[in-house]
Amino acid sequence: MMADLLDIDALPQQSASQVKNKWAELVRRVREVGSVAITSHSKVEMVVVEAGRYQEMTAQIEAMQRRQQTVLDELSKRFDERLDKLKSPEFREKLDAVFEARGELRNRPKAGETF
């Protein structure tokens, strides 16, 4: 999804001579402000940003995606570990014991000494 936009050299390019009226003014404005919204019928159609800012944004996106993947990998690992425990024969025995007890406790609950 975002990976398609990450390499600035892979973006579609258009020479300045192909751009309509006042290209130099747009470039000056982008350099001053950092980005300019391009509108059509009062609706923003695109945003022009400096190449350096674009590279900063894509680097931030890549870093965020790496962090998300790390978190997802860790969660997946923990899930698989818990699932393996649930599949173990020992868990099955404990679960059967809970159902056999029918809500009755074998041992009296222990409250602390200060209770």
PDB file of N, CA and C in Angstrom:
ATOM      1  N   MET A   1       0.852  -1.182   0.000  1.00  0.00           N
ATOM      2  CA  MET A   1       0.000   0.000   0.000  1.00  0.00           C
ATOM      3  C   MET A   1       0.889   1.232   0.000  1.00  0.00           C
ATOM      4  N   MET A   2       1.499   1.590   1.145  1.00  0.00           N
ATOM      5  CA  MET A   2       2.364   2.764   1.208  1.00  0.00           C
ATOM      6  C   MET A   2       3.706   2.487   0.565  1.00  0.00           C
ATOM      7  N   ALA A   3       4.093   1.212   0.462  1.00  0.00           N
ATOM      8  CA  ALA A   3       5.394   0.880  -0.091  1.00  0.00           C
ATOM      9  C   ALA A   3       5.530   1.378  -1.524  1.00  0.00           C
ATOM     10  N   ASP A   4       4.429   1.480  -2.243  1.00  0.00           N
ATOM     11  CA  ASP A   4       4.474   1.971  -3.614  1.00  0.00           C
ATOM     12  C   ASP A   4       4.933   3.423  -3.676  1.00  0.00           C
ATOM     13  N   LEU A   5       4.743   4.191  -2.622  1.00  0.00           N
ATOM     14  CA  LEU A   5       5.083   5.608  -2.613  1.00  0.00           C
ATOM     15  C   LEU A   5       6.437   5.897  -1.987  1.00  0.00           C
ATOM     16  N   LEU A   6       7.079   4.885  -1.437  1.00  0.00           N
ATOM     17  CA  LEU A   6       8.255   5.148  -0.637  1.00  0.00           C
ATOM     18  C   LEU A   6       9.467   5.627  -1.433  1.00  0.00           C
ATOM     19  N   ASP A   7       9.709   5.143  -2.607  1.00  0.00           N
ATOM     20  CA  ASP A   7      10.876   5.542  -3.370  1.00  0.00           C
ATOM     21  C   ASP A   7      10.544   6.761  -4.217  1.00  0.00           C
ATOM     22  N   ILE A   8      11.168   7.877  -3.912  1.00  0.00           N
ATOM     23  CA  ILE A   8      10.853   9.121  -4.610  1.00  0.00           C
ATOM     24  C   ILE A   8      11.153   9.027  -6.094  1.00  0.00           C
ATOM     25  N   ASP A   9      12.158   8.232  -6.453  1.00  0.00           N
ATOM     26  CA  ASP A   9      12.509   8.091  -7.870  1.00  0.00           C
ATOM     27  C   ASP A   9      11.470   7.279  -8.641  1.00  0.00           C
ATOM     28  N   ALA A  10      10.633   6.529  -7.926  1.00  0.00           N
ATOM     29  CA  ALA A  10       9.613   5.717  -8.591  1.00  0.00           C
ATOM     30  C   ALA A  10       8.317   6.488  -8.838  1.00  0.00           C
ATOM     31  N   LEU A  11       8.219   7.688  -8.298  1.00  0.00           N
ATOM     32  CA  LEU A  11       7.013   8.489  -8.502  1.00  0.00           C
ATOM     33  C   LEU A  11       6.901   8.927  -9.961  1.00  0.00           C
ATOM     34  N   PRO A  12       5.673   9.062 -10.465  1.00  0.00           N
ATOM     35  CA  PRO A  12       5.502   9.614 -11.817  1.00  0.00           C
ATOM     36  C   PRO A  12       6.093  11.017 -11.870  1.00  0.00           C
ATOM     37  N   GLN A  13       6.765  11.329 -12.958  1.00  0.00           N
ATOM     38  CA  GLN A  13       7.416  12.631 -13.065  1.00  0.00           C
ATOM     39  C   GLN A  13       6.863  13.392 -14.256  1.00  0.00           C
ATOM     40  N   GLN A  14       6.892  14.693 -14.120  1.00  0.00           N
ATOM     41  CA  GLN A  14       6.430  15.594 -15.161  1.00  0.00           C
ATOM     42  C   GLN A  14       7.388  16.774 -15.189  1.00  0.00           C
ATOM     43  N   SER A  15       7.836  17.157 -16.363  1.00  0.00           N
ATOM     44  CA  SER A  15       8.760  18.290 -16.420  1.00  0.00           C
ATOM     45  C   SER A  15       8.000  19.582 -16.138  1.00  0.00           C
ATOM     46  N   ALA A  16       8.752  20.588 -15.716  1.00  0.00           N
ATOM     47  CA  ALA A  16       8.147  21.871 -15.387  1.00  0.00           C
ATOM     48  C   ALA A  16       7.443  22.475 -16.598  1.00  0.00           C
ATOM     49  N   SER A  17       7.956  22.204 -17.790  1.00  0.00           N
ATOM     50  CA  SER A  17       7.330  22.786 -18.983  1.00  0.00           C
ATOM     51  C   SER A  17       5.957  22.190 -19.257  1.00  0.00           C
ATOM     52  N   GLN A  18       5.681  21.034 -18.663  1.00  0.00           N
ATOM     53  CA  GLN A  18       4.376  20.399 -18.866  1.00  0.00           C
ATOM     54  C   GLN A  18       3.324  20.910 -17.882  1.00  0.00           C
ATOM     55  N   VAL A  19       3.761  21.552 -16.855  1.00  0.00           N
ATOM     56  CA  VAL A  19       2.827  22.041 -15.849  1.00  0.00           C
ATOM     57  C   VAL A  19       2.246  23.366 -16.316  1.00  0.00           C
ATOM     58  N   LYS A  20       0.968  23.529 -16.074  1.00  0.00           N
ATOM     59  CA  LYS A  20       0.308  24.768 -16.507  1.00  0.00           C
ATOM     60  C   LYS A  20       0.820  25.985 -15.757  1.00  0.00           C
ATOM     61  N   ASN A  21       0.257  27.068 -16.010  1.00  0.00           N
ATOM     62  CA  ASN A  21       0.574  28.413 -15.524  1.00  0.00           C
ATOM     63  C   ASN A  21       1.255  28.484 -14.162  1.00  0.00           C
ATOM     64  N   LYS A  22       2.207  29.384 -14.058  1.00  0.00           N
ATOM     65  CA  LYS A  22       2.831  29.816 -12.813  1.00  0.00           C
ATOM     66  C   LYS A  22       3.553  28.713 -12.046  1.00  0.00           C
ATOM     67  N   TRP A  23       4.280  27.899 -12.717  1.00  0.00           N
ATOM     68  CA  TRP A  23       5.037  26.848 -12.045  1.00  0.00           C
ATOM     69  C   TRP A  23       6.056  27.446 -11.071  1.00  0.00           C
ATOM     70  N   ALA A  24       6.750  28.483 -11.505  1.00  0.00           N
ATOM     71  CA  ALA A  24       7.772  29.099 -10.661  1.00  0.00           C
ATOM     72  C   ALA A  24       7.176  29.621  -9.361  1.00  0.00           C
ATOM     73  N   GLU A  25       5.973  30.170  -9.420  1.00  0.00           N
ATOM     74  CA  GLU A  25       5.317  30.668  -8.209  1.00  0.00           C
ATOM     75  C   GLU A  25       4.989  29.525  -7.258  1.00  0.00           C
ATOM     76  N   LEU A  26       4.541  28.406  -7.820  1.00  0.00           N
ATOM     77  CA  LEU A  26       4.225  27.231  -6.998  1.00  0.00           C
ATOM     78  C   LEU A  26       5.494  26.715  -6.323  1.00  0.00           C
ATOM     79  N   VAL A  27       6.568  26.616  -7.079  1.00  0.00           N
ATOM     80  CA  VAL A  27       7.830  26.141  -6.515  1.00  0.00           C
ATOM     81  C   VAL A  27       8.292  27.069  -5.392  1.00  0.00           C
ATOM     82  N   ARG A  28       8.224  28.372  -5.606  1.00  0.00           N
ATOM     83  CA  ARG A  28       8.617  29.342  -4.585  1.00  0.00           C
ATOM     84  C   ARG A  28       7.775  29.159  -3.321  1.00  0.00           C
ATOM     85  N   ARG A  29       6.505  28.982  -3.499  1.00  0.00           N
ATOM     86  CA  ARG A  29       5.574  28.831  -2.371  1.00  0.00           C
ATOM     87  C   ARG A  29       5.854  27.548  -1.584  1.00  0.00           C
ATOM     88  N   VAL A  30       6.112  26.471  -2.314  1.00  0.00           N
ATOM     89  CA  VAL A  30       6.441  25.201  -1.647  1.00  0.00           C
ATOM     90  C   VAL A  30       7.725  25.348  -0.844  1.00  0.00           C
ATOM     91  N   ARG A  31       8.704  26.028  -1.406  1.00  0.00           N
ATOM     92  CA  ARG A  31       9.962  26.243  -0.681  1.00  0.00           C
ATOM     93  C   ARG A  31       9.763  27.117   0.549  1.00  0.00           C
ATOM     94  N   GLU A  32       8.861  28.061   0.478  1.00  0.00           N
ATOM     95  CA  GLU A  32       8.585  28.943   1.614  1.00  0.00           C
ATOM     96  C   GLU A  32       7.824  28.223   2.720  1.00  0.00           C
ATOM     97  N   VAL A  33       6.757  27.583   2.331  1.00  0.00           N
ATOM     98  CA  VAL A  33       5.818  27.000   3.302  1.00  0.00           C
ATOM     99  C   VAL A  33       6.097  25.528   3.589  1.00  0.00           C
ATOM    100  N   GLY A  34       6.656  24.815   2.635  1.00  0.00           N
ATOM    101  CA  GLY A  34       6.925  23.386   2.814  1.00  0.00           C
ATOM    102  C   GLY A  34       5.994  22.506   2.022  1.00  0.00           C
ATOM    103  N   SER A  35       4.755  22.948   1.822  1.00  0.00           N
ATOM    104  CA  SER A  35       3.798  22.191   1.013  1.00  0.00           C
ATOM    105  C   SER A  35       2.668  23.114   0.584  1.00  0.00           C
ATOM    106  N   VAL A  36       2.047  22.766  -0.529  1.00  0.00           N
ATOM    107  CA  VAL A  36       0.933  23.560  -1.055  1.00  0.00           C
ATOM    108  C   VAL A  36      -0.154  22.599  -1.517  1.00  0.00           C
ATOM    109  N   ALA A  37      -1.384  22.884  -1.123  1.00  0.00           N
ATOM    110  CA  ALA A  37      -2.520  22.083  -1.574  1.00  0.00           C
ATOM    111  C   ALA A  37      -2.958  22.574  -2.946  1.00  0.00           C
ATOM    112  N   ILE A  38      -3.147  21.661  -3.866  1.00  0.00           N
ATOM    113  CA  ILE A  38      -3.621  21.981  -5.207  1.00  0.00           C
ATOM    114  C   ILE A  38      -5.110  21.657  -5.249  1.00  0.00           C
ATOM    115  N   THR A  39      -5.909  22.653  -5.610  1.00  0.00           N
ATOM    116  CA  THR A  39      -7.354  22.462  -5.599  1.00  0.00           C
ATOM    117  C   THR A  39      -7.932  22.474  -7.001  1.00  0.00           C
ATOM    118  N   SER A  40      -9.064  21.849  -7.107  1.00  0.00           N
ATOM    119  CA  SER A  40      -9.858  21.874  -8.325  1.00  0.00           C
ATOM    120  C   SER A  40     -11.302  22.009  -7.887  1.00  0.00           C
ATOM    121  N   HIS A  41     -11.958  23.073  -8.308  1.00  0.00           N
ATOM    122  CA  HIS A  41     -13.335  23.348  -7.880  1.00  0.00           C
ATOM    123  C   HIS A  41     -13.432  23.380  -6.354  1.00  0.00           C
ATOM    124  N   SER A  42     -12.477  24.049  -5.710  1.00  0.00           N
ATOM    125  CA  SER A  42     -12.418  24.238  -4.255  1.00  0.00           C
ATOM    126  C   SER A  42     -12.217  22.938  -3.474  1.00  0.00           C
ATOM    127  N   LYS A  43     -11.833  21.886  -4.147  1.00  0.00           N
ATOM    128  CA  LYS A  43     -11.582  20.606  -3.487  1.00  0.00           C
ATOM    129  C   LYS A  43     -10.093  20.284  -3.643  1.00  0.00           C
ATOM    130  N   VAL A  44      -9.457  19.922  -2.529  1.00  0.00           N
ATOM    131  CA  VAL A  44      -8.041  19.579  -2.585  1.00  0.00           C
ATOM    132  C   VAL A  44      -7.874  18.277  -3.362  1.00  0.00           C
ATOM    133  N   GLU A  45      -7.087  18.353  -4.408  1.00  0.00           N
ATOM    134  CA  GLU A  45      -6.838  17.192  -5.255  1.00  0.00           C
ATOM    135  C   GLU A  45      -5.502  16.528  -4.944  1.00  0.00           C
ATOM    136  N   MET A  46      -4.511  17.346  -4.563  1.00  0.00           N
ATOM    137  CA  MET A  46      -3.196  16.805  -4.251  1.00  0.00           C
ATOM    138  C   MET A  46      -2.428  17.815  -3.430  1.00  0.00           C
ATOM    139  N   VAL A  47      -1.296  17.357  -2.908  1.00  0.00           N
ATOM    140  CA  VAL A  47      -0.421  18.223  -2.129  1.00  0.00           C
ATOM    141  C   VAL A  47       0.980  18.115  -2.705  1.00  0.00           C
ATOM    142  N   VAL A  48       1.609  19.253  -2.949  1.00  0.00           N
ATOM    143  CA  VAL A  48       2.978  19.292  -3.436  1.00  0.00           C
ATOM    144  C   VAL A  48       3.876  19.567  -2.241  1.00  0.00           C
ATOM    145  N   VAL A  49       4.871  18.695  -2.025  1.00  0.00           N
ATOM    146  CA  VAL A  49       5.814  18.868  -0.922  1.00  0.00           C
ATOM    147  C   VAL A  49       7.236  18.834  -1.461  1.00  0.00           C
ATOM    148  N   GLU A  50       8.151  19.399  -0.690  1.00  0.00           N
ATOM    149  CA  GLU A  50       9.551  19.340  -1.072  1.00  0.00           C
ATOM    150  C   GLU A  50      10.037  17.900  -1.013  1.00  0.00           C
ATOM    151  N   ALA A  51      11.001  17.571  -1.865  1.00  0.00           N
ATOM    152  CA  ALA A  51      11.520  16.205  -1.927  1.00  0.00           C
ATOM    153  C   ALA A  51      12.092  15.756  -0.589  1.00  0.00           C
ATOM    154  N   GLY A  52      12.805  16.632   0.104  1.00  0.00           N
ATOM    155  CA  GLY A  52      13.385  16.275   1.403  1.00  0.00           C
ATOM    156  C   GLY A  52      12.317  15.938   2.427  1.00  0.00           C
ATOM    157  N   ARG A  53      11.248  16.718   2.447  1.00  0.00           N
ATOM    158  CA  ARG A  53      10.141  16.461   3.381  1.00  0.00           C
ATOM    159  C   ARG A  53       9.447  15.144   3.036  1.00  0.00           C
ATOM    160  N   TYR A  54       9.304  14.879   1.757  1.00  0.00           N
ATOM    161  CA  TYR A  54       8.693  13.617   1.320  1.00  0.00           C
ATOM    162  C   TYR A  54       9.523  12.436   1.820  1.00  0.00           C
ATOM    163  N   GLN A  55      10.847  12.536   1.682  1.00  0.00           N
ATOM    164  CA  GLN A  55      11.717  11.455   2.141  1.00  0.00           C
ATOM    165  C   GLN A  55      11.638  11.292   3.652  1.00  0.00           C
ATOM    166  N   GLU A  56      11.521  12.385   4.394  1.00  0.00           N
ATOM    167  CA  GLU A  56      11.345  12.313   5.853  1.00  0.00           C
ATOM    168  C   GLU A  56      10.055  11.574   6.201  1.00  0.00           C
ATOM    169  N   MET A  57       8.977  11.934   5.518  1.00  0.00           N
ATOM    170  CA  MET A  57       7.675  11.307   5.806  1.00  0.00           C
ATOM    171  C   MET A  57       7.715   9.816   5.490  1.00  0.00           C
ATOM    172  N   THR A  58       8.313   9.449   4.374  1.00  0.00           N
ATOM    173  CA  THR A  58       8.362   8.025   4.020  1.00  0.00           C
ATOM    174  C   THR A  58       9.259   7.251   4.972  1.00  0.00           C
ATOM    175  N   ALA A  59      10.338   7.874   5.459  1.00  0.00           N
ATOM    176  CA  ALA A  59      11.199   7.219   6.451  1.00  0.00           C
ATOM    177  C   ALA A  59      10.416   6.979   7.742  1.00  0.00           C
ATOM    178  N   GLN A  60       9.589   7.950   8.142  1.00  0.00           N
ATOM    179  CA  GLN A  60       8.762   7.792   9.337  1.00  0.00           C
ATOM    180  C   GLN A  60       7.740   6.672   9.140  1.00  0.00           C
ATOM    181  N   ILE A  61       7.168   6.595   7.969  1.00  0.00           N
ATOM    182  CA  ILE A  61       6.200   5.531   7.681  1.00  0.00           C
ATOM    183  C   ILE A  61       6.875   4.169   7.736  1.00  0.00           C
ATOM    184  N   GLU A  62       8.064   4.062   7.144  1.00  0.00           N
ATOM    185  CA  GLU A  62       8.790   2.796   7.179  1.00  0.00           C
ATOM    186  C   GLU A  62       9.106   2.385   8.614  1.00  0.00           C
ATOM    187  N   ALA A  63       9.543   3.345   9.432  1.00  0.00           N
ATOM    188  CA  ALA A  63       9.857   3.045  10.835  1.00  0.00           C
ATOM    189  C   ALA A  63       8.602   2.585  11.577  1.00  0.00           C
ATOM    190  N   MET A  64       7.487   3.245  11.340  1.00  0.00           N
ATOM    191  CA  MET A  64       6.231   2.864  11.981  1.00  0.00           C
ATOM    192  C   MET A  64       5.808   1.451  11.548  1.00  0.00           C
ATOM    193  N   GLN A  65       5.946   1.148  10.271  1.00  0.00           N
ATOM    194  CA  GLN A  65       5.581  -0.174   9.782  1.00  0.00           C
ATOM    195  C   GLN A  65       6.465  -1.257  10.393  1.00  0.00           C
ATOM    196  N   ARG A  66       7.762  -0.954  10.565  1.00  0.00           N
ATOM    197  CA  ARG A  66       8.663  -1.926  11.206  1.00  0.00           C
ATOM    198  C   ARG A  66       8.254  -2.156  12.661  1.00  0.00           C
ATOM    199  N   ARG A  67       7.912  -1.062  13.370  1.00  0.00           N
ATOM    200  CA  ARG A  67       7.462  -1.205  14.766  1.00  0.00           C
ATOM    201  C   ARG A  67       6.184  -2.033  14.847  1.00  0.00           C
ATOM    202  N   GLN A  68       5.245  -1.747  13.952  1.00  0.00           N
ATOM    203  CA  GLN A  68       3.994  -2.503  13.950  1.00  0.00           C
ATOM    204  C   GLN A  68       4.252  -3.979  13.675  1.00  0.00           C
ATOM    205  N   GLN A  69       5.140  -4.276  12.738  1.00  0.00           N
ATOM    206  CA  GLN A  69       5.433  -5.668  12.406  1.00  0.00           C
ATOM    207  C   GLN A  69       6.082  -6.373  13.590  1.00  0.00           C
ATOM    208  N   THR A  70       6.957  -5.672  14.307  1.00  0.00           N
ATOM    209  CA  THR A  70       7.594  -6.245  15.496  1.00  0.00           C
ATOM    210  C   THR A  70       6.546  -6.578  16.547  1.00  0.00           C
ATOM    211  N   VAL A  71       5.621  -5.666  16.779  1.00  0.00           N
ATOM    212  CA  VAL A  71       4.550  -5.899  17.757  1.00  0.00           C
ATOM    213  C   VAL A  71       3.678  -7.074  17.314  1.00  0.00           C
ATOM    214  N   LEU A  72       3.314  -7.102  16.044  1.00  0.00           N
ATOM    215  CA  LEU A  72       2.487  -8.205  15.544  1.00  0.00           C
ATOM    216  C   LEU A  72       3.205  -9.547  15.653  1.00  0.00           C
ATOM    217  N   ASP A  73       4.497  -9.562  15.363  1.00  0.00           N
ATOM    218  CA  ASP A  73       5.268 -10.804  15.487  1.00  0.00           C
ATOM    219  C   ASP A  73       5.287 -11.286  16.930  1.00  0.00           C
ATOM    220  N   GLU A  74       5.475 -10.356  17.877  1.00  0.00           N
ATOM    221  CA  GLU A  74       5.499 -10.721  19.289  1.00  0.00           C
ATOM    222  C   GLU A  74       4.128 -11.242  19.742  1.00  0.00           C
ATOM    223  N   LEU A  75       3.066 -10.565  19.336  1.00  0.00           N
ATOM    224  CA  LEU A  75       1.717 -11.024  19.698  1.00  0.00           C
ATOM    225  C   LEU A  75       1.424 -12.394  19.098  1.00  0.00           C
ATOM    226  N   SER A  76       1.831 -12.601  17.878  1.00  0.00           N
ATOM    227  CA  SER A  76       1.626 -13.890  17.220  1.00  0.00           C
ATOM    228  C   SER A  76       2.374 -14.997  17.954  1.00  0.00           C
ATOM    229  N   LYS A  77       3.604 -14.707  18.372  1.00  0.00           N
ATOM    230  CA  LYS A  77       4.403 -15.682  19.120  1.00  0.00           C
ATOM    231  C   LYS A  77       3.720 -16.031  20.440  1.00  0.00           C
ATOM    232  N   ARG A  78       3.267 -14.994  21.167  1.00  0.00           N
ATOM    233  CA  ARG A  78       2.594 -15.239  22.444  1.00  0.00           C
ATOM    234  C   ARG A  78       1.304 -16.033  22.248  1.00  0.00           C
ATOM    235  N   PHE A  79       0.556 -15.712  21.188  1.00  0.00           N
ATOM    236  CA  PHE A  79      -0.684 -16.437  20.900  1.00  0.00           C
ATOM    237  C   PHE A  79      -0.382 -17.914  20.639  1.00  0.00           C
ATOM    238  N   ASP A  80       0.629 -18.167  19.805  1.00  0.00           N
ATOM    239  CA  ASP A  80       0.980 -19.553  19.482  1.00  0.00           C
ATOM    240  C   ASP A  80       1.415 -20.324  20.731  1.00  0.00           C
ATOM    241  N   GLU A  81       2.174 -19.654  21.627  1.00  0.00           N
ATOM    242  CA  GLU A  81       2.598 -20.308  22.877  1.00  0.00           C
ATOM    243  C   GLU A  81       1.391 -20.672  23.739  1.00  0.00           C
ATOM    244  N   ARG A  82       0.445 -19.740  23.845  1.00  0.00           N
ATOM    245  CA  ARG A  82      -0.755 -20.015  24.657  1.00  0.00           C
ATOM    246  C   ARG A  82      -1.623 -21.098  24.021  1.00  0.00           C
ATOM    247  N   LEU A  83      -1.722 -21.075  22.712  1.00  0.00           N
ATOM    248  CA  LEU A  83      -2.504 -22.098  22.022  1.00  0.00           C
ATOM    249  C   LEU A  83      -1.884 -23.469  22.217  1.00  0.00           C
ATOM    250  N   ASP A  84      -0.556 -23.549  22.171  1.00  0.00           N
ATOM    251  CA  ASP A  84       0.117 -24.823  22.408  1.00  0.00           C
ATOM    252  C   ASP A  84      -0.185 -25.335  23.813  1.00  0.00           C
ATOM    253  N   LYS A  85      -0.215 -24.429  24.804  1.00  0.00           N
ATOM    254  CA  LYS A  85      -0.550 -24.834  26.178  1.00  0.00           C
ATOM    255  C   LYS A  85      -1.977 -25.368  26.250  1.00  0.00           C
ATOM    256  N   LEU A  86      -2.896 -24.713  25.546  1.00  0.00           N
ATOM    257  CA  LEU A  86      -4.295 -25.152  25.573  1.00  0.00           C
ATOM    258  C   LEU A  86      -4.463 -26.521  24.919  1.00  0.00           C
ATOM    259  N   LYS A  87      -3.585 -26.845  24.003  1.00  0.00           N
ATOM    260  CA  LYS A  87      -3.657 -28.136  23.303  1.00  0.00           C
ATOM    261  C   LYS A  87      -2.985 -29.264  24.076  1.00  0.00           C
ATOM    262  N   SER A  88      -2.291 -28.928  25.153  1.00  0.00           N
ATOM    263  CA  SER A  88      -1.531 -29.937  25.894  1.00  0.00           C
ATOM    264  C   SER A  88      -2.463 -30.864  26.675  1.00  0.00           C
ATOM    265  N   PRO A  89      -2.018 -32.112  26.885  1.00  0.00           N
ATOM    266  CA  PRO A  89      -2.837 -33.064  27.673  1.00  0.00           C
ATOM    267  C   PRO A  89      -3.050 -32.582  29.109  1.00  0.00           C
ATOM    268  N   GLU A  90      -2.053 -31.894  29.688  1.00  0.00           N
ATOM    269  CA  GLU A  90      -2.189 -31.414  31.066  1.00  0.00           C
ATOM    270  C   GLU A  90      -3.346 -30.427  31.184  1.00  0.00           C
ATOM    271  N   PHE A  91      -3.499 -29.566  30.196  1.00  0.00           N
ATOM    272  CA  PHE A  91      -4.595 -28.603  30.233  1.00  0.00           C
ATOM    273  C   PHE A  91      -5.927 -29.332  30.163  1.00  0.00           C
ATOM    274  N   ARG A  92      -5.993 -30.328  29.316  1.00  0.00           N
ATOM    275  CA  ARG A  92      -7.237 -31.102  29.183  1.00  0.00           C
ATOM    276  C   ARG A  92      -7.617 -31.744  30.519  1.00  0.00           C
ATOM    277  N   GLU A  93      -6.611 -32.269  31.219  1.00  0.00           N
ATOM    278  CA  GLU A  93      -6.873 -32.887  32.523  1.00  0.00           C
ATOM    279  C   GLU A  93      -7.392 -31.853  33.524  1.00  0.00           C
ATOM    280  N   LYS A  94      -6.781 -30.678  33.545  1.00  0.00           N
ATOM    281  CA  LYS A  94      -7.220 -29.622  34.456  1.00  0.00           C
ATOM    282  C   LYS A  94      -8.638 -29.163  34.126  1.00  0.00           C
ATOM    283  N   LEU A  95      -8.936 -29.041  32.856  1.00  0.00           N
ATOM    284  CA  LEU A  95     -10.272 -28.621  32.439  1.00  0.00           C
ATOM    285  C   LEU A  95     -11.309 -29.672  32.832  1.00  0.00           C
ATOM    286  N   ASP A  96     -10.986 -30.940  32.619  1.00  0.00           N
ATOM    287  CA  ASP A  96     -11.902 -32.013  33.028  1.00  0.00           C
ATOM    288  C   ASP A  96     -12.149 -31.967  34.535  1.00  0.00           C
ATOM    289  N   ALA A  97     -11.096 -31.684  35.308  1.00  0.00           N
ATOM    290  CA  ALA A  97     -11.226 -31.619  36.766  1.00  0.00           C
ATOM    291  C   ALA A  97     -12.147 -30.466  37.169  1.00  0.00           C
ATOM    292  N   VAL A  98     -12.055 -29.343  36.482  1.00  0.00           N
ATOM    293  CA  VAL A  98     -12.931 -28.209  36.782  1.00  0.00           C
ATOM    294  C   VAL A  98     -14.383 -28.583  36.536  1.00  0.00           C
ATOM    295  N   PHE A  99     -14.653 -29.245  35.417  1.00  0.00           N
ATOM    296  CA  PHE A  99     -16.037 -29.640  35.119  1.00  0.00           C
ATOM    297  C   PHE A  99     -16.540 -30.699  36.096  1.00  0.00           C
ATOM    298  N   GLU A 100     -15.674 -31.616  36.513  1.00  0.00           N
ATOM    299  CA  GLU A 100     -16.077 -32.653  37.455  1.00  0.00           C
ATOM    300  C   GLU A 100     -16.388 -32.072  38.831  1.00  0.00           C
ATOM    301  N   ALA A 101     -15.713 -31.002  39.207  1.00  0.00           N
ATOM    302  CA  ALA A 101     -15.920 -30.389  40.523  1.00  0.00           C
ATOM    303  C   ALA A 101     -17.287 -29.740  40.618  1.00  0.00           C
ATOM    304  N   ARG A 102     -17.875 -29.366  39.507  1.00  0.00           N
ATOM    305  CA  ARG A 102     -19.208 -28.765  39.459  1.00  0.00           C
ATOM    306  C   ARG A 102     -19.341 -27.581  40.412  1.00  0.00           C
ATOM    307  N   GLY A 103     -18.315 -26.753  40.484  1.00  0.00           N
ATOM    308  CA  GLY A 103     -18.378 -25.542  41.292  1.00  0.00           C
ATOM    309  C   GLY A 103     -18.011 -25.723  42.751  1.00  0.00           C
ATOM    310  N   GLU A 104     -17.728 -26.955  43.161  1.00  0.00           N
ATOM    311  CA  GLU A 104     -17.345 -27.196  44.553  1.00  0.00           C
ATOM    312  C   GLU A 104     -15.823 -27.182  44.654  1.00  0.00           C
ATOM    313  N   LEU A 105     -15.341 -26.618  45.766  1.00  0.00           N
ATOM    314  CA  LEU A 105     -13.900 -26.542  45.986  1.00  0.00           C
ATOM    315  C   LEU A 105     -13.421 -27.751  46.770  1.00  0.00           C
ATOM    316  N   ARG A 106     -12.275 -28.290  46.387  1.00  0.00           N
ATOM    317  CA  ARG A 106     -11.700 -29.418  47.122  1.00  0.00           C
ATOM    318  C   ARG A 106     -11.091 -28.943  48.444  1.00  0.00           C
ATOM    319  N   ASN A 107     -10.413 -27.832  48.391  1.00  0.00           N
ATOM    320  CA  ASN A 107      -9.755 -27.288  49.583  1.00  0.00           C
ATOM    321  C   ASN A 107     -10.403 -25.966  49.960  1.00  0.00           C
ATOM    322  N   ARG A 108     -10.390 -25.704  51.232  1.00  0.00           N
ATOM    323  CA  ARG A 108     -10.940 -24.447  51.727  1.00  0.00           C
ATOM    324  C   ARG A 108     -10.017 -23.312  51.270  1.00  0.00           C
ATOM    325  N   PRO A 109     -10.602 -22.200  50.800  1.00  0.00           N
ATOM    326  CA  PRO A 109      -9.758 -21.091  50.373  1.00  0.00           C
ATOM    327  C   PRO A 109      -8.971 -20.513  51.544  1.00  0.00           C
ATOM    328  N   LYS A 110      -7.788 -20.032  51.260  1.00  0.00           N
ATOM    329  CA  LYS A 110      -6.936 -19.469  52.302  1.00  0.00           C
ATOM    330  C   LYS A 110      -6.947 -17.950  52.181  1.00  0.00           C
ATOM    331  N   ALA A 111      -7.268 -17.335  53.295  1.00  0.00           N
ATOM    332  CA  ALA A 111      -7.150 -15.870  53.354  1.00  0.00           C
ATOM    333  C   ALA A 111      -5.849 -15.593  54.097  1.00  0.00           C
ATOM    334  N   GLY A 112      -5.288 -14.481  53.873  1.00  0.00           N
ATOM    335  CA  GLY A 112      -4.017 -14.133  54.520  1.00  0.00           C
ATOM    336  C   GLY A 112      -4.145 -14.060  56.031  1.00  0.00           C
ATOM    337  N   GLU A 113      -3.002 -14.005  56.715  1.00  0.00           N
ATOM    338  CA  GLU A 113      -2.972 -13.962  58.188  1.00  0.00           C
ATOM    339  C   GLU A 113      -3.657 -12.711  58.717  1.00  0.00           C
ATOM    340  N   THR A 114      -3.639 -11.655  57.932  1.00  0.00           N
ATOM    341  CA  THR A 114      -4.216 -10.405  58.429  1.00  0.00           C
ATOM    342  C   THR A 114      -5.685 -10.283  58.063  1.00  0.00           C
ATOM    343  N   PHE A 115      -6.251 -11.247  57.419  1.00  0.00           N
ATOM    344  CA  PHE A 115      -7.657 -11.140  56.993  1.00  0.00           C
ATOM    345  C   PHE A 115      -8.581 -11.370  58.141  1.00  0.00           C
TER     346      PHE A 115
END
